[in-house]
Amino acid sequence: MEKTYYDPSDLKKFGKIVEWDEELGNKFFEYYSAVFAEGALSAREKSLIALAVAHVIQCPYCIDAYTGDGLKRGISQEEMMEALHVGAAIRGGASLVHGVQMMNKYNKLSM
């Protein structure tokens, strides 16, 4: 097996963060559970959003977790890929829209 900086087995250890700060760790996991509970959005929809965001922030642990979660919730590979492209489009657009700042600065400095 190829070694990487990220150890996939570390994902299973995520809950152990509570060991070093029980109060804040428990508060985080309480919040996390509340966020992913059924609400105006279904748990399935939230899983798909989480998968797209995981790619945008480039978290391999989150990508692994929400790919698996999505499969359990019946999310198809087509839906996953489409969500990934939505995330990529937003990320790309966010980079490009900052080009307006560059253009404004350039125009101001070149006058």
PDB file of N, CA and C in Angstrom:
ATOM      1  N   MET A   1       0.840  -1.178   0.000  1.00  0.00           N
ATOM      2  CA  MET A   1       0.000   0.000   0.000  1.00  0.00           C
ATOM      3  C   MET A   1       0.887   1.244   0.000  1.00  0.00           C
ATOM      4  N   GLU A   2       0.543   2.181  -0.807  1.00  0.00           N
ATOM      5  CA  GLU A   2       1.313   3.419  -0.915  1.00  0.00           C
ATOM      6  C   GLU A   2       1.095   4.294   0.317  1.00  0.00           C
ATOM      7  N   LYS A   3       2.177   4.844   0.843  1.00  0.00           N
ATOM      8  CA  LYS A   3       2.091   5.755   1.990  1.00  0.00           C
ATOM      9  C   LYS A   3       1.726   7.152   1.506  1.00  0.00           C
ATOM     10  N   THR A   4       0.886   7.813   2.260  1.00  0.00           N
ATOM     11  CA  THR A   4       0.543   9.206   1.975  1.00  0.00           C
ATOM     12  C   THR A   4       0.668   9.995   3.269  1.00  0.00           C
ATOM     13  N   TYR A   5       0.637  11.302   3.150  1.00  0.00           N
ATOM     14  CA  TYR A   5       0.701  12.159   4.327  1.00  0.00           C
ATOM     15  C   TYR A   5      -0.502  11.902   5.240  1.00  0.00           C
ATOM     16  N   TYR A   6      -1.644  11.711   4.622  1.00  0.00           N
ATOM     17  CA  TYR A   6      -2.859  11.423   5.380  1.00  0.00           C
ATOM     18  C   TYR A   6      -3.003   9.928   5.563  1.00  0.00           C
ATOM     19  N   ASP A   7      -3.205   9.492   6.784  1.00  0.00           N
ATOM     20  CA  ASP A   7      -3.406   8.085   7.073  1.00  0.00           C
ATOM     21  C   ASP A   7      -4.910   7.839   7.151  1.00  0.00           C
ATOM     22  N   PRO A   8      -5.477   7.088   6.208  1.00  0.00           N
ATOM     23  CA  PRO A   8      -6.917   6.857   6.211  1.00  0.00           C
ATOM     24  C   PRO A   8      -7.450   6.306   7.532  1.00  0.00           C
ATOM     25  N   SER A   9      -6.625   5.577   8.261  1.00  0.00           N
ATOM     26  CA  SER A   9      -7.087   5.022   9.541  1.00  0.00           C
ATOM     27  C   SER A   9      -7.283   6.107  10.598  1.00  0.00           C
ATOM     28  N   ASP A  10      -6.708   7.300  10.369  1.00  0.00           N
ATOM     29  CA  ASP A  10      -6.892   8.385  11.331  1.00  0.00           C
ATOM     30  C   ASP A  10      -8.339   8.862  11.397  1.00  0.00           C
ATOM     31  N   LEU A  11      -9.088   8.693  10.324  1.00  0.00           N
ATOM     32  CA  LEU A  11     -10.486   9.105  10.322  1.00  0.00           C
ATOM     33  C   LEU A  11     -11.254   8.411  11.444  1.00  0.00           C
ATOM     34  N   LYS A  12     -10.936   7.142  11.678  1.00  0.00           N
ATOM     35  CA  LYS A  12     -11.602   6.391  12.739  1.00  0.00           C
ATOM     36  C   LYS A  12     -11.235   6.903  14.126  1.00  0.00           C
ATOM     37  N   LYS A  13     -10.177   7.678  14.222  1.00  0.00           N
ATOM     38  CA  LYS A  13      -9.711   8.208  15.511  1.00  0.00           C
ATOM     39  C   LYS A  13     -10.268   9.602  15.810  1.00  0.00           C
ATOM     40  N   PHE A  14     -11.071  10.135  14.895  1.00  0.00           N
ATOM     41  CA  PHE A  14     -11.555  11.508  15.029  1.00  0.00           C
ATOM     42  C   PHE A  14     -12.218  11.764  16.383  1.00  0.00           C
ATOM     43  N   GLY A  15     -13.005  10.817  16.860  1.00  0.00           N
ATOM     44  CA  GLY A  15     -13.687  10.970  18.142  1.00  0.00           C
ATOM     45  C   GLY A  15     -12.754  11.126  19.327  1.00  0.00           C
ATOM     46  N   LYS A  16     -11.512  10.747  19.146  1.00  0.00           N
ATOM     47  CA  LYS A  16     -10.545  10.828  20.243  1.00  0.00           C
ATOM     48  C   LYS A  16     -10.116  12.264  20.558  1.00  0.00           C
ATOM     49  N   ILE A  17     -10.504  13.215  19.727  1.00  0.00           N
ATOM     50  CA  ILE A  17     -10.140  14.599  20.057  1.00  0.00           C
ATOM     51  C   ILE A  17     -10.744  15.023  21.386  1.00  0.00           C
ATOM     52  N   VAL A  18     -11.807  14.342  21.785  1.00  0.00           N
ATOM     53  CA  VAL A  18     -12.453  14.626  23.065  1.00  0.00           C
ATOM     54  C   VAL A  18     -11.508  14.329  24.235  1.00  0.00           C
ATOM     55  N   GLU A  19     -10.591  13.398  24.046  1.00  0.00           N
ATOM     56  CA  GLU A  19      -9.680  13.010  25.122  1.00  0.00           C
ATOM     57  C   GLU A  19      -8.783  14.172  25.564  1.00  0.00           C
ATOM     58  N   TRP A  20      -8.491  15.090  24.673  1.00  0.00           N
ATOM     59  CA  TRP A  20      -7.577  16.182  25.022  1.00  0.00           C
ATOM     60  C   TRP A  20      -8.318  17.434  25.488  1.00  0.00           C
ATOM     61  N   ASP A  21      -9.593  17.532  25.177  1.00  0.00           N
ATOM     62  CA  ASP A  21     -10.427  18.632  25.676  1.00  0.00           C
ATOM     63  C   ASP A  21     -11.871  18.157  25.613  1.00  0.00           C
ATOM     64  N   GLU A  22     -12.284  17.512  26.687  1.00  0.00           N
ATOM     65  CA  GLU A  22     -13.593  16.865  26.716  1.00  0.00           C
ATOM     66  C   GLU A  22     -14.736  17.863  26.505  1.00  0.00           C
ATOM     67  N   GLU A  23     -14.674  18.998  27.165  1.00  0.00           N
ATOM     68  CA  GLU A  23     -15.766  19.959  27.080  1.00  0.00           C
ATOM     69  C   GLU A  23     -15.956  20.475  25.647  1.00  0.00           C
ATOM     70  N   LEU A  24     -14.871  20.979  25.050  1.00  0.00           N
ATOM     71  CA  LEU A  24     -14.989  21.523  23.697  1.00  0.00           C
ATOM     72  C   LEU A  24     -15.222  20.427  22.664  1.00  0.00           C
ATOM     73  N   GLY A  25     -14.587  19.278  22.854  1.00  0.00           N
ATOM     74  CA  GLY A  25     -14.810  18.161  21.938  1.00  0.00           C
ATOM     75  C   GLY A  25     -16.263  17.725  21.927  1.00  0.00           C
ATOM     76  N   ASN A  26     -16.838  17.591  23.112  1.00  0.00           N
ATOM     77  CA  ASN A  26     -18.249  17.205  23.199  1.00  0.00           C
ATOM     78  C   ASN A  26     -19.160  18.269  22.599  1.00  0.00           C
ATOM     79  N   LYS A  27     -18.842  19.530  22.826  1.00  0.00           N
ATOM     80  CA  LYS A  27     -19.641  20.605  22.228  1.00  0.00           C
ATOM     81  C   LYS A  27     -19.575  20.549  20.705  1.00  0.00           C
ATOM     82  N   PHE A  28     -18.384  20.297  20.161  1.00  0.00           N
ATOM     83  CA  PHE A  28     -18.260  20.192  18.713  1.00  0.00           C
ATOM     84  C   PHE A  28     -19.115  19.054  18.182  1.00  0.00           C
ATOM     85  N   PHE A  29     -19.001  17.863  18.771  1.00  0.00           N
ATOM     86  CA  PHE A  29     -19.731  16.710  18.258  1.00  0.00           C
ATOM     87  C   PHE A  29     -21.241  16.871  18.453  1.00  0.00           C
ATOM     88  N   GLU A  30     -21.646  17.566  19.504  1.00  0.00           N
ATOM     89  CA  GLU A  30     -23.073  17.860  19.690  1.00  0.00           C
ATOM     90  C   GLU A  30     -23.566  18.764  18.553  1.00  0.00           C
ATOM     91  N   TYR A  31     -22.789  19.801  18.252  1.00  0.00           N
ATOM     92  CA  TYR A  31     -23.121  20.707  17.150  1.00  0.00           C
ATOM     93  C   TYR A  31     -23.121  19.950  15.825  1.00  0.00           C
ATOM     94  N   TYR A  32     -22.089  19.168  15.578  1.00  0.00           N
ATOM     95  CA  TYR A  32     -21.948  18.411  14.340  1.00  0.00           C
ATOM     96  C   TYR A  32     -23.153  17.503  14.122  1.00  0.00           C
ATOM     97  N   SER A  33     -23.569  16.820  15.177  1.00  0.00           N
ATOM     98  CA  SER A  33     -24.735  15.936  15.094  1.00  0.00           C
ATOM     99  C   SER A  33     -26.006  16.717  14.783  1.00  0.00           C
ATOM    100  N   ALA A  34     -26.152  17.873  15.404  1.00  0.00           N
ATOM    101  CA  ALA A  34     -27.331  18.699  15.156  1.00  0.00           C
ATOM    102  C   ALA A  34     -27.362  19.198  13.712  1.00  0.00           C
ATOM    103  N   VAL A  35     -26.210  19.583  13.193  1.00  0.00           N
ATOM    104  CA  VAL A  35     -26.133  20.075  11.813  1.00  0.00           C
ATOM    105  C   VAL A  35     -26.583  18.998  10.831  1.00  0.00           C
ATOM    106  N   PHE A  36     -26.187  17.759  11.052  1.00  0.00           N
ATOM    107  CA  PHE A  36     -26.476  16.695  10.099  1.00  0.00           C
ATOM    108  C   PHE A  36     -27.778  15.957  10.381  1.00  0.00           C
ATOM    109  N   ALA A  37     -28.531  16.395  11.381  1.00  0.00           N
ATOM    110  CA  ALA A  37     -29.838  15.791  11.660  1.00  0.00           C
ATOM    111  C   ALA A  37     -30.837  16.224  10.582  1.00  0.00           C
ATOM    112  N   GLU A  38     -31.874  15.422  10.409  1.00  0.00           N
ATOM    113  CA  GLU A  38     -32.936  15.781   9.468  1.00  0.00           C
ATOM    114  C   GLU A  38     -33.510  17.138   9.854  1.00  0.00           C
ATOM    115  N   GLY A  39     -33.740  17.965   8.879  1.00  0.00           N
ATOM    116  CA  GLY A  39     -34.324  19.282   9.107  1.00  0.00           C
ATOM    117  C   GLY A  39     -34.995  19.729   7.836  1.00  0.00           C
ATOM    118  N   ALA A  40     -34.845  20.993   7.487  1.00  0.00           N
ATOM    119  CA  ALA A  40     -35.383  21.481   6.220  1.00  0.00           C
ATOM    120  C   ALA A  40     -34.720  20.741   5.067  1.00  0.00           C
ATOM    121  N   LEU A  41     -33.458  20.338   5.260  1.00  0.00           N
ATOM    122  CA  LEU A  41     -32.746  19.491   4.302  1.00  0.00           C
ATOM    123  C   LEU A  41     -32.699  18.076   4.864  1.00  0.00           C
ATOM    124  N   SER A  42     -32.802  17.111   3.981  1.00  0.00           N
ATOM    125  CA  SER A  42     -32.698  15.716   4.421  1.00  0.00           C
ATOM    126  C   SER A  42     -31.243  15.389   4.743  1.00  0.00           C
ATOM    127  N   ALA A  43     -31.045  14.324   5.510  1.00  0.00           N
ATOM    128  CA  ALA A  43     -29.687  13.869   5.806  1.00  0.00           C
ATOM    129  C   ALA A  43     -28.968  13.496   4.506  1.00  0.00           C
ATOM    130  N   ARG A  44     -29.692  13.000   3.536  1.00  0.00           N
ATOM    131  CA  ARG A  44     -29.123  12.654   2.233  1.00  0.00           C
ATOM    132  C   ARG A  44     -28.612  13.911   1.526  1.00  0.00           C
ATOM    133  N   GLU A  45     -29.426  14.953   1.513  1.00  0.00           N
ATOM    134  CA  GLU A  45     -29.010  16.209   0.883  1.00  0.00           C
ATOM    135  C   GLU A  45     -27.800  16.804   1.592  1.00  0.00           C
ATOM    136  N   LYS A  46     -27.799  16.736   2.906  1.00  0.00           N
ATOM    137  CA  LYS A  46     -26.679  17.266   3.677  1.00  0.00           C
ATOM    138  C   LYS A  46     -25.396  16.481   3.394  1.00  0.00           C
ATOM    139  N   SER A  47     -25.526  15.188   3.211  1.00  0.00           N
ATOM    140  CA  SER A  47     -24.366  14.359   2.894  1.00  0.00           C
ATOM    141  C   SER A  47     -23.782  14.757   1.541  1.00  0.00           C
ATOM    142  N   LEU A  48     -24.639  15.033   0.579  1.00  0.00           N
ATOM    143  CA  LEU A  48     -24.182  15.445  -0.751  1.00  0.00           C
ATOM    144  C   LEU A  48     -23.511  16.818  -0.700  1.00  0.00           C
ATOM    145  N   ILE A  49     -24.078  17.726   0.075  1.00  0.00           N
ATOM    146  CA  ILE A  49     -23.452  19.048   0.268  1.00  0.00           C
ATOM    147  C   ILE A  49     -22.086  18.873   0.925  1.00  0.00           C
ATOM    148  N   ALA A  50     -22.027  18.040   1.961  1.00  0.00           N
ATOM    149  CA  ALA A  50     -20.764  17.806   2.662  1.00  0.00           C
ATOM    150  C   ALA A  50     -19.707  17.233   1.722  1.00  0.00           C
ATOM    151  N   LEU A  51     -20.118  16.358   0.812  1.00  0.00           N
ATOM    152  CA  LEU A  51     -19.171  15.776  -0.136  1.00  0.00           C
ATOM    153  C   LEU A  51     -18.612  16.849  -1.064  1.00  0.00           C
ATOM    154  N   ALA A  52     -19.471  17.735  -1.554  1.00  0.00           N
ATOM    155  CA  ALA A  52     -19.009  18.815  -2.428  1.00  0.00           C
ATOM    156  C   ALA A  52     -18.068  19.746  -1.677  1.00  0.00           C
ATOM    157  N   VAL A  53     -18.436  20.126  -0.467  1.00  0.00           N
ATOM    158  CA  VAL A  53     -17.593  21.012   0.344  1.00  0.00           C
ATOM    159  C   VAL A  53     -16.265  20.335   0.659  1.00  0.00           C
ATOM    160  N   ALA A  54     -16.287  19.042   0.933  1.00  0.00           N
ATOM    161  CA  ALA A  54     -15.061  18.293   1.220  1.00  0.00           C
ATOM    162  C   ALA A  54     -14.061  18.415   0.076  1.00  0.00           C
ATOM    163  N   HIS A  55     -14.558  18.395  -1.134  1.00  0.00           N
ATOM    164  CA  HIS A  55     -13.672  18.554  -2.287  1.00  0.00           C
ATOM    165  C   HIS A  55     -13.165  19.987  -2.403  1.00  0.00           C
ATOM    166  N   VAL A  56     -14.028  20.944  -2.143  1.00  0.00           N
ATOM    167  CA  VAL A  56     -13.618  22.348  -2.239  1.00  0.00           C
ATOM    168  C   VAL A  56     -12.532  22.671  -1.216  1.00  0.00           C
ATOM    169  N   ILE A  57     -12.679  22.155   0.006  1.00  0.00           N
ATOM    170  CA  ILE A  57     -11.660  22.425   1.029  1.00  0.00           C
ATOM    171  C   ILE A  57     -10.531  21.398   0.988  1.00  0.00           C
ATOM    172  N   GLN A  58     -10.670  20.413   0.128  1.00  0.00           N
ATOM    173  CA  GLN A  58      -9.649  19.390  -0.123  1.00  0.00           C
ATOM    174  C   GLN A  58      -9.274  18.606   1.128  1.00  0.00           C
ATOM    175  N   CYS A  59     -10.293  18.094   1.802  1.00  0.00           N
ATOM    176  CA  CYS A  59     -10.086  17.273   3.000  1.00  0.00           C
ATOM    177  C   CYS A  59     -10.252  15.804   2.645  1.00  0.00           C
ATOM    178  N   PRO A  60      -9.155  15.044   2.560  1.00  0.00           N
ATOM    179  CA  PRO A  60      -9.282  13.633   2.174  1.00  0.00           C
ATOM    180  C   PRO A  60     -10.091  12.812   3.174  1.00  0.00           C
ATOM    181  N   TYR A  61     -10.031  13.167   4.446  1.00  0.00           N
ATOM    182  CA  TYR A  61     -10.823  12.444   5.434  1.00  0.00           C
ATOM    183  C   TYR A  61     -12.313  12.652   5.168  1.00  0.00           C
ATOM    184  N   CYS A  62     -12.685  13.892   4.890  1.00  0.00           N
ATOM    185  CA  CYS A  62     -14.090  14.219   4.626  1.00  0.00           C
ATOM    186  C   CYS A  62     -14.559  13.583   3.324  1.00  0.00           C
ATOM    187  N   ILE A  63     -13.696  13.583   2.321  1.00  0.00           N
ATOM    188  CA  ILE A  63     -14.045  12.946   1.045  1.00  0.00           C
ATOM    189  C   ILE A  63     -14.328  11.468   1.275  1.00  0.00           C
ATOM    190  N   ASP A  64     -13.455  10.790   2.013  1.00  0.00           N
ATOM    191  CA  ASP A  64     -13.677   9.374   2.327  1.00  0.00           C
ATOM    192  C   ASP A  64     -14.978   9.188   3.104  1.00  0.00           C
ATOM    193  N   ALA A  65     -15.160   9.998   4.137  1.00  0.00           N
ATOM    194  CA  ALA A  65     -16.327   9.845   5.012  1.00  0.00           C
ATOM    195  C   ALA A  65     -17.628  10.074   4.256  1.00  0.00           C
ATOM    196  N   TYR A  66     -17.696  11.131   3.456  1.00  0.00           N
ATOM    197  CA  TYR A  66     -18.964  11.461   2.811  1.00  0.00           C
ATOM    198  C   TYR A  66     -19.188  10.728   1.497  1.00  0.00           C
ATOM    199  N   THR A  67     -18.145  10.129   0.930  1.00  0.00           N
ATOM    200  CA  THR A  67     -18.362   9.206  -0.180  1.00  0.00           C
ATOM    201  C   THR A  67     -19.040   7.949   0.370  1.00  0.00           C
ATOM    202  N   GLY A  68     -18.499   7.451   1.471  1.00  0.00           N
ATOM    203  CA  GLY A  68     -19.104   6.272   2.107  1.00  0.00           C
ATOM    204  C   GLY A  68     -20.503   6.548   2.617  1.00  0.00           C
ATOM    205  N   ASP A  69     -20.692   7.698   3.252  1.00  0.00           N
ATOM    206  CA  ASP A  69     -22.003   8.060   3.773  1.00  0.00           C
ATOM    207  C   ASP A  69     -23.002   8.202   2.626  1.00  0.00           C
ATOM    208  N   GLY A  70     -22.544   8.821   1.541  1.00  0.00           N
ATOM    209  CA  GLY A  70     -23.429   8.997   0.393  1.00  0.00           C
ATOM    210  C   GLY A  70     -23.863   7.671  -0.203  1.00  0.00           C
ATOM    211  N   LEU A  71     -22.933   6.736  -0.296  1.00  0.00           N
ATOM    212  CA  LEU A  71     -23.284   5.405  -0.807  1.00  0.00           C
ATOM    213  C   LEU A  71     -24.343   4.751   0.074  1.00  0.00           C
ATOM    214  N   LYS A  72     -24.187   4.874   1.401  1.00  0.00           N
ATOM    215  CA  LYS A  72     -25.172   4.299   2.326  1.00  0.00           C
ATOM    216  C   LYS A  72     -26.535   4.956   2.169  1.00  0.00           C
ATOM    217  N   ARG A  73     -26.544   6.206   1.747  1.00  0.00           N
ATOM    218  CA  ARG A  73     -27.802   6.944   1.597  1.00  0.00           C
ATOM    219  C   ARG A  73     -28.361   6.870   0.178  1.00  0.00           C
ATOM    220  N   GLY A  74     -27.737   6.051  -0.665  1.00  0.00           N
ATOM    221  CA  GLY A  74     -28.251   5.851  -2.007  1.00  0.00           C
ATOM    222  C   GLY A  74     -27.905   6.938  -3.007  1.00  0.00           C
ATOM    223  N   ILE A  75     -26.877   7.720  -2.709  1.00  0.00           N
ATOM    224  CA  ILE A  75     -26.449   8.758  -3.644  1.00  0.00           C
ATOM    225  C   ILE A  75     -25.647   8.094  -4.754  1.00  0.00           C
ATOM    226  N   SER A  76     -26.032   8.358  -5.983  1.00  0.00           N
ATOM    227  CA  SER A  76     -25.390   7.708  -7.133  1.00  0.00           C
ATOM    228  C   SER A  76     -24.064   8.389  -7.465  1.00  0.00           C
ATOM    229  N   GLN A  77     -23.253   7.684  -8.253  1.00  0.00           N
ATOM    230  CA  GLN A  77     -21.984   8.275  -8.687  1.00  0.00           C
ATOM    231  C   GLN A  77     -22.239   9.503  -9.546  1.00  0.00           C
ATOM    232  N   GLU A  78     -23.314   9.522 -10.305  1.00  0.00           N
ATOM    233  CA  GLU A  78     -23.633  10.688 -11.129  1.00  0.00           C
ATOM    234  C   GLU A  78     -23.952  11.900 -10.248  1.00  0.00           C
ATOM    235  N   GLU A  79     -24.717  11.666  -9.177  1.00  0.00           N
ATOM    236  CA  GLU A  79     -25.044  12.753  -8.256  1.00  0.00           C
ATOM    237  C   GLU A  79     -23.789  13.264  -7.547  1.00  0.00           C
ATOM    238  N   MET A  80     -22.927  12.328  -7.134  1.00  0.00           N
ATOM    239  CA  MET A  80     -21.686  12.728  -6.469  1.00  0.00           C
ATOM    240  C   MET A  80     -20.819  13.572  -7.396  1.00  0.00           C
ATOM    241  N   MET A  81     -20.665  13.139  -8.635  1.00  0.00           N
ATOM    242  CA  MET A  81     -19.819  13.873  -9.571  1.00  0.00           C
ATOM    243  C   MET A  81     -20.425  15.235  -9.899  1.00  0.00           C
ATOM    244  N   GLU A  82     -21.746  15.288 -10.037  1.00  0.00           N
ATOM    245  CA  GLU A  82     -22.389  16.569 -10.311  1.00  0.00           C
ATOM    246  C   GLU A  82     -22.186  17.535  -9.142  1.00  0.00           C
ATOM    247  N   ALA A  83     -22.301  17.030  -7.916  1.00  0.00           N
ATOM    248  CA  ALA A  83     -22.057  17.861  -6.738  1.00  0.00           C
ATOM    249  C   ALA A  83     -20.624  18.357  -6.716  1.00  0.00           C
ATOM    250  N   LEU A  84     -19.674  17.483  -7.081  1.00  0.00           N
ATOM    251  CA  LEU A  84     -18.272  17.876  -7.151  1.00  0.00           C
ATOM    252  C   LEU A  84     -18.087  19.016  -8.158  1.00  0.00           C
ATOM    253  N   HIS A  85     -18.735  18.913  -9.297  1.00  0.00           N
ATOM    254  CA  HIS A  85     -18.619  19.968 -10.307  1.00  0.00           C
ATOM    255  C   HIS A  85     -19.253  21.277  -9.835  1.00  0.00           C
ATOM    256  N   VAL A  86     -20.332  21.195  -9.084  1.00  0.00           N
ATOM    257  CA  VAL A  86     -20.922  22.413  -8.511  1.00  0.00           C
ATOM    258  C   VAL A  86     -19.909  23.072  -7.583  1.00  0.00           C
ATOM    259  N   GLY A  87     -19.294  22.285  -6.711  1.00  0.00           N
ATOM    260  CA  GLY A  87     -18.275  22.819  -5.811  1.00  0.00           C
ATOM    261  C   GLY A  87     -17.104  23.416  -6.562  1.00  0.00           C
ATOM    262  N   ALA A  88     -16.655  22.733  -7.607  1.00  0.00           N
ATOM    263  CA  ALA A  88     -15.527  23.222  -8.407  1.00  0.00           C
ATOM    264  C   ALA A  88     -15.887  24.529  -9.115  1.00  0.00           C
ATOM    265  N   ALA A  89     -17.107  24.627  -9.613  1.00  0.00           N
ATOM    266  CA  ALA A  89     -17.541  25.850 -10.292  1.00  0.00           C
ATOM    267  C   ALA A  89     -17.580  27.028  -9.327  1.00  0.00           C
ATOM    268  N   ILE A  90     -18.080  26.786  -8.131  1.00  0.00           N
ATOM    269  CA  ILE A  90     -18.130  27.860  -7.123  1.00  0.00           C
ATOM    270  C   ILE A  90     -16.715  28.257  -6.730  1.00  0.00           C
ATOM    271  N   ARG A  91     -15.848  27.273  -6.509  1.00  0.00           N
ATOM    272  CA  ARG A  91     -14.454  27.566  -6.139  1.00  0.00           C
ATOM    273  C   ARG A  91     -13.748  28.333  -7.254  1.00  0.00           C
ATOM    274  N   GLY A  92     -13.938  27.895  -8.481  1.00  0.00           N
ATOM    275  CA  GLY A  92     -13.335  28.579  -9.620  1.00  0.00           C
ATOM    276  C   GLY A  92     -13.884  29.988  -9.778  1.00  0.00           C
ATOM    277  N   GLY A  93     -15.188  30.132  -9.638  1.00  0.00           N
ATOM    278  CA  GLY A  93     -15.810  31.453  -9.734  1.00  0.00           C
ATOM    279  C   GLY A  93     -15.336  32.383  -8.635  1.00  0.00           C
ATOM    280  N   ALA A  94     -15.158  31.842  -7.440  1.00  0.00           N
ATOM    281  CA  ALA A  94     -14.677  32.661  -6.326  1.00  0.00           C
ATOM    282  C   ALA A  94     -13.269  33.168  -6.597  1.00  0.00           C
ATOM    283  N   SER A  95     -12.452  32.340  -7.229  1.00  0.00           N
ATOM    284  CA  SER A  95     -11.101  32.791  -7.594  1.00  0.00           C
ATOM    285  C   SER A  95     -11.176  33.858  -8.679  1.00  0.00           C
ATOM    286  N   LEU A  96     -11.981  33.614  -9.691  1.00  0.00           N
ATOM    287  CA  LEU A  96     -12.063  34.537 -10.813  1.00  0.00           C
ATOM    288  C   LEU A  96     -12.693  35.876 -10.451  1.00  0.00           C
ATOM    289  N   VAL A  97     -13.694  35.876  -9.582  1.00  0.00           N
ATOM    290  CA  VAL A  97     -14.345  37.139  -9.222  1.00  0.00           C
ATOM    291  C   VAL A  97     -13.381  38.076  -8.504  1.00  0.00           C
ATOM    292  N   HIS A  98     -12.356  37.499  -7.859  1.00  0.00           N
ATOM    293  CA  HIS A  98     -11.328  38.336  -7.239  1.00  0.00           C
ATOM    294  C   HIS A  98     -10.479  39.039  -8.287  1.00  0.00           C
ATOM    295  N   GLY A  99     -10.599  38.600  -9.534  1.00  0.00           N
ATOM    296  CA  GLY A  99      -9.934  39.292 -10.630  1.00  0.00           C
ATOM    297  C   GLY A  99     -10.409  40.723 -10.773  1.00  0.00           C
ATOM    298  N   VAL A 100     -11.647  40.990 -10.372  1.00  0.00           N
ATOM    299  CA  VAL A 100     -12.160  42.368 -10.402  1.00  0.00           C
ATOM    300  C   VAL A 100     -11.333  43.246  -9.469  1.00  0.00           C
ATOM    301  N   GLN A 101     -10.954  42.719  -8.321  1.00  0.00           N
ATOM    302  CA  GLN A 101     -10.108  43.460  -7.393  1.00  0.00           C
ATOM    303  C   GLN A 101      -8.772  43.789  -8.055  1.00  0.00           C
ATOM    304  N   MET A 102      -8.193  42.807  -8.732  1.00  0.00           N
ATOM    305  CA  MET A 102      -6.935  43.027  -9.440  1.00  0.00           C
ATOM    306  C   MET A 102      -7.115  44.091 -10.516  1.00  0.00           C
ATOM    307  N   MET A 103      -8.183  43.996 -11.270  1.00  0.00           N
ATOM    308  CA  MET A 103      -8.439  44.956 -12.344  1.00  0.00           C
ATOM    309  C   MET A 103      -8.592  46.371 -11.790  1.00  0.00           C
ATOM    310  N   ASN A 104      -9.347  46.486 -10.678  1.00  0.00           N
ATOM    311  CA  ASN A 104      -9.522  47.802 -10.045  1.00  0.00           C
ATOM    312  C   ASN A 104      -8.188  48.369  -9.583  1.00  0.00           C
ATOM    313  N   LYS A 105      -7.372  47.539  -8.951  1.00  0.00           N
ATOM    314  CA  LYS A 105      -6.078  47.975  -8.442  1.00  0.00           C
ATOM    315  C   LYS A 105      -5.163  48.360  -9.597  1.00  0.00           C
ATOM    316  N   TYR A 106      -5.141  47.545 -10.642  1.00  0.00           N
ATOM    317  CA  TYR A 106      -4.336  47.830 -11.812  1.00  0.00           C
ATOM    318  C   TYR A 106      -4.734  49.180 -12.414  1.00  0.00           C
ATOM    319  N   ASN A 107      -6.033  49.375 -12.598  1.00  0.00           N
ATOM    320  CA  ASN A 107      -6.517  50.621 -13.191  1.00  0.00           C
ATOM    321  C   ASN A 107      -6.145  51.829 -12.330  1.00  0.00           C
ATOM    322  N   LYS A 108      -6.225  51.678 -11.017  1.00  0.00           N
ATOM    323  CA  LYS A 108      -5.883  52.775 -10.109  1.00  0.00           C
ATOM    324  C   LYS A 108      -4.388  53.087 -10.180  1.00  0.00           C
ATOM    325  N   LEU A 109      -3.553  52.050 -10.172  1.00  0.00           N
ATOM    326  CA  LEU A 109      -2.099  52.252 -10.177  1.00  0.00           C
ATOM    327  C   LEU A 109      -1.556  52.708 -11.531  1.00  0.00           C
ATOM    328  N   SER A 110      -2.235  52.366 -12.607  1.00  0.00           N
ATOM    329  CA  SER A 110      -1.712  52.680 -13.930  1.00  0.00           C
ATOM    330  C   SER A 110      -2.193  54.033 -14.461  1.00  0.00           C
ATOM    331  N   MET A 111      -2.944  54.730 -13.691  1.00  0.00           N
ATOM    332  CA  MET A 111      -3.456  56.036 -14.143  1.00  0.00           C
ATOM    333  C   MET A 111      -2.369  57.072 -14.129  1.00  0.00           C
TER     334      MET A 111
END
